[in-house]
Amino acid sequence: MSAQFRPVWLVTDPISGARGVLGFLVEDDGEVAFLPAPSTTWATPENEALAKLLTGLLQSGTTFNEPAIGLGPQVVFGEVAAVPRSAQGGCEWVASTILTQAA
């Protein structure tokens, strides 16, 4: 198995660099999935609404290497990391290890 994952950030203030994690993209044997973060506290209702919209777009399909133009400039992909080879599945490992820690 060769799986990898990366965080997806919503930049809420480009001047200060404030951002929150929307979730994680996982690529597992060519299949790409978006796993939303269990909870992120957003500073404003507008950011909350934007996060929900973007999460829906990411779940409906995206590439692993770069954000689609429709996501806008405020969505930034983080660094790629490998899922351990001993893991049974990339999505399952990210959900049980990374997302559990973020909750």
C-alpha atoms as a PDB file:
ATOM      1  CA  MET A   1       0.000   0.000   0.000  1.00  0.00           C
ATOM      2  CA  SER A   2       1.221   3.504  -0.793  1.00  0.00           C
ATOM      3  CA  ALA A   3      -0.959   6.106   0.887  1.00  0.00           C
ATOM      4  CA  GLN A   4      -0.275   9.707   1.716  1.00  0.00           C
ATOM      5  CA  PHE A   5      -2.153  12.566   3.326  1.00  0.00           C
ATOM      6  CA  ARG A   6      -2.009  16.334   3.729  1.00  0.00           C
ATOM      7  CA  PRO A   7      -3.911  18.964   5.697  1.00  0.00           C
ATOM      8  CA  VAL A   8      -6.203  21.440   3.972  1.00  0.00           C
ATOM      9  CA  TRP A   9      -6.270  24.889   5.560  1.00  0.00           C
ATOM     10  CA  LEU A  10      -8.759  27.746   5.349  1.00  0.00           C
ATOM     11  CA  VAL A  11      -6.863  31.031   5.617  1.00  0.00           C
ATOM     12  CA  THR A  12      -9.233  33.351   7.484  1.00  0.00           C
ATOM     13  CA  ASP A  13      -6.913  36.372   7.620  1.00  0.00           C
ATOM     14  CA  PRO A  14      -4.183  36.636   4.984  1.00  0.00           C
ATOM     15  CA  ILE A  15      -2.520  39.557   6.770  1.00  0.00           C
ATOM     16  CA  SER A  16      -2.012  37.840  10.129  1.00  0.00           C
ATOM     17  CA  GLY A  17      -1.815  34.351   8.624  1.00  0.00           C
ATOM     18  CA  ALA A  18      -4.697  33.096  10.789  1.00  0.00           C
ATOM     19  CA  ARG A  19      -6.027  29.786   9.519  1.00  0.00           C
ATOM     20  CA  GLY A  20      -7.904  26.689  10.594  1.00  0.00           C
ATOM     21  CA  VAL A  21      -7.831  23.146   9.346  1.00  0.00           C
ATOM     22  CA  LEU A  22     -10.753  22.118   7.146  1.00  0.00           C
ATOM     23  CA  GLY A  23      -9.680  18.488   7.069  1.00  0.00           C
ATOM     24  CA  PHE A  24      -7.262  16.125   5.366  1.00  0.00           C
ATOM     25  CA  LEU A  25      -6.877  14.871   1.835  1.00  0.00           C
ATOM     26  CA  VAL A  26      -5.892  11.230   1.587  1.00  0.00           C
ATOM     27  CA  GLU A  27      -4.554   9.541  -1.525  1.00  0.00           C
ATOM     28  CA  ASP A  28      -4.633   5.770  -1.272  1.00  0.00           C
ATOM     29  CA  ASP A  29      -3.602   3.776  -4.346  1.00  0.00           C
ATOM     30  CA  GLY A  30      -4.720   6.542  -6.698  1.00  0.00           C
ATOM     31  CA  GLU A  31      -8.048   7.236  -4.973  1.00  0.00           C
ATOM     32  CA  VAL A  32      -8.427  10.688  -3.368  1.00  0.00           C
ATOM     33  CA  ALA A  33     -10.762  11.340  -0.445  1.00  0.00           C
ATOM     34  CA  PHE A  34     -11.359  14.358   1.784  1.00  0.00           C
ATOM     35  CA  LEU A  35     -11.894  13.749   5.496  1.00  0.00           C
ATOM     36  CA  PRO A  36     -13.332  16.831   7.223  1.00  0.00           C
ATOM     37  CA  ALA A  37     -11.911  17.910  10.567  1.00  0.00           C
ATOM     38  CA  PRO A  38     -14.240  16.936  13.431  1.00  0.00           C
ATOM     39  CA  SER A  39     -14.444  20.457  14.825  1.00  0.00           C
ATOM     40  CA  THR A  40     -12.835  23.780  14.187  1.00  0.00           C
ATOM     41  CA  THR A  41     -13.904  26.967  15.912  1.00  0.00           C
ATOM     42  CA  TRP A  42     -14.211  29.771  13.410  1.00  0.00           C
ATOM     43  CA  ALA A  43     -13.960  33.421  14.501  1.00  0.00           C
ATOM     44  CA  THR A  44     -17.019  34.640  12.615  1.00  0.00           C
ATOM     45  CA  PRO A  45     -20.285  33.237  11.251  1.00  0.00           C
ATOM     46  CA  GLU A  46     -19.046  34.160   7.766  1.00  0.00           C
ATOM     47  CA  ASN A  47     -15.968  31.989   8.189  1.00  0.00           C
ATOM     48  CA  GLU A  48     -18.157  29.163   9.508  1.00  0.00           C
ATOM     49  CA  ALA A  49     -20.395  29.379   6.429  1.00  0.00           C
ATOM     50  CA  LEU A  50     -17.382  29.513   4.097  1.00  0.00           C
ATOM     51  CA  ALA A  51     -15.818  26.500   5.821  1.00  0.00           C
ATOM     52  CA  LYS A  52     -19.024  24.480   5.351  1.00  0.00           C
ATOM     53  CA  LEU A  53     -19.239  25.436   1.682  1.00  0.00           C
ATOM     54  CA  LEU A  54     -15.601  24.587   1.012  1.00  0.00           C
ATOM     55  CA  THR A  55     -15.850  21.301   2.923  1.00  0.00           C
ATOM     56  CA  GLY A  56     -18.756  20.292   0.692  1.00  0.00           C
ATOM     57  CA  LEU A  57     -16.783  21.171  -2.428  1.00  0.00           C
ATOM     58  CA  LEU A  58     -13.748  19.221  -1.212  1.00  0.00           C
ATOM     59  CA  GLN A  59     -15.897  16.175  -0.434  1.00  0.00           C
ATOM     60  CA  SER A  60     -17.457  16.240  -3.888  1.00  0.00           C
ATOM     61  CA  GLY A  61     -14.070  15.756  -5.500  1.00  0.00           C
ATOM     62  CA  THR A  62     -10.667  17.330  -5.751  1.00  0.00           C
ATOM     63  CA  THR A  63      -7.143  16.514  -6.755  1.00  0.00           C
ATOM     64  CA  PHE A  64      -4.436  15.656  -4.258  1.00  0.00           C
ATOM     65  CA  ASN A  65      -1.743  17.937  -5.645  1.00  0.00           C
ATOM     66  CA  GLU A  66      -3.353  21.366  -5.751  1.00  0.00           C
ATOM     67  CA  PRO A  67      -6.648  23.054  -4.877  1.00  0.00           C
ATOM     68  CA  ALA A  68      -9.176  23.497  -7.647  1.00  0.00           C
ATOM     69  CA  ILE A  69      -9.517  27.096  -8.822  1.00  0.00           C
ATOM     70  CA  GLY A  70     -13.121  27.143  -7.566  1.00  0.00           C
ATOM     71  CA  LEU A  71     -11.946  26.768  -3.971  1.00  0.00           C
ATOM     72  CA  GLY A  72     -10.451  30.242  -4.068  1.00  0.00           C
ATOM     73  CA  PRO A  73      -7.154  31.602  -2.825  1.00  0.00           C
ATOM     74  CA  GLN A  74      -8.014  31.098   0.837  1.00  0.00           C
ATOM     75  CA  VAL A  75      -7.695  27.294   0.615  1.00  0.00           C
ATOM     76  CA  VAL A  76      -4.120  26.114   1.065  1.00  0.00           C
ATOM     77  CA  PHE A  77      -2.807  22.567   0.969  1.00  0.00           C
ATOM     78  CA  GLY A  78      -0.225  21.591   3.595  1.00  0.00           C
ATOM     79  CA  GLU A  79       2.803  19.360   3.335  1.00  0.00           C
ATOM     80  CA  VAL A  80       2.415  15.752   2.218  1.00  0.00           C
ATOM     81  CA  ALA A  81       3.131  12.985   4.721  1.00  0.00           C
ATOM     82  CA  ALA A  82       3.139   9.229   4.235  1.00  0.00           C
ATOM     83  CA  VAL A  83       0.701   6.871   5.897  1.00  0.00           C
ATOM     84  CA  PRO A  84       2.665   4.070   7.600  1.00  0.00           C
ATOM     85  CA  ARG A  85       2.987   1.031   5.350  1.00  0.00           C
ATOM     86  CA  SER A  86       1.670  -1.136   8.185  1.00  0.00           C
ATOM     87  CA  ALA A  87      -1.711   0.663   8.115  1.00  0.00           C
ATOM     88  CA  GLN A  88      -4.639  -1.276   6.656  1.00  0.00           C
ATOM     89  CA  GLY A  89      -6.031   1.735   4.760  1.00  0.00           C
ATOM     90  CA  GLY A  90      -5.076   5.359   4.334  1.00  0.00           C
ATOM     91  CA  CYS A  91      -8.466   6.883   5.162  1.00  0.00           C
ATOM     92  CA  GLU A  92      -8.970   4.608   8.138  1.00  0.00           C
ATOM     93  CA  TRP A  93      -5.511   5.410   9.515  1.00  0.00           C
ATOM     94  CA  VAL A  94      -5.933   9.190   9.117  1.00  0.00           C
ATOM     95  CA  ALA A  95      -9.410   9.055  10.678  1.00  0.00           C
ATOM     96  CA  SER A  96      -8.310   6.977  13.657  1.00  0.00           C
ATOM     97  CA  THR A  97      -4.928   8.617  14.234  1.00  0.00           C
ATOM     98  CA  ILE A  98      -4.831  12.188  12.942  1.00  0.00           C
ATOM     99  CA  LEU A  99      -8.494  13.202  13.202  1.00  0.00           C
ATOM    100  CA  THR A 100      -8.847  11.618  16.643  1.00  0.00           C
ATOM    101  CA  GLN A 101      -5.965  13.793  17.893  1.00  0.00           C
ATOM    102  CA  ALA A 102      -7.531  16.889  16.348  1.00  0.00           C
ATOM    103  CA  ALA A 103     -10.880  16.311  18.068  1.00  0.00           C
END
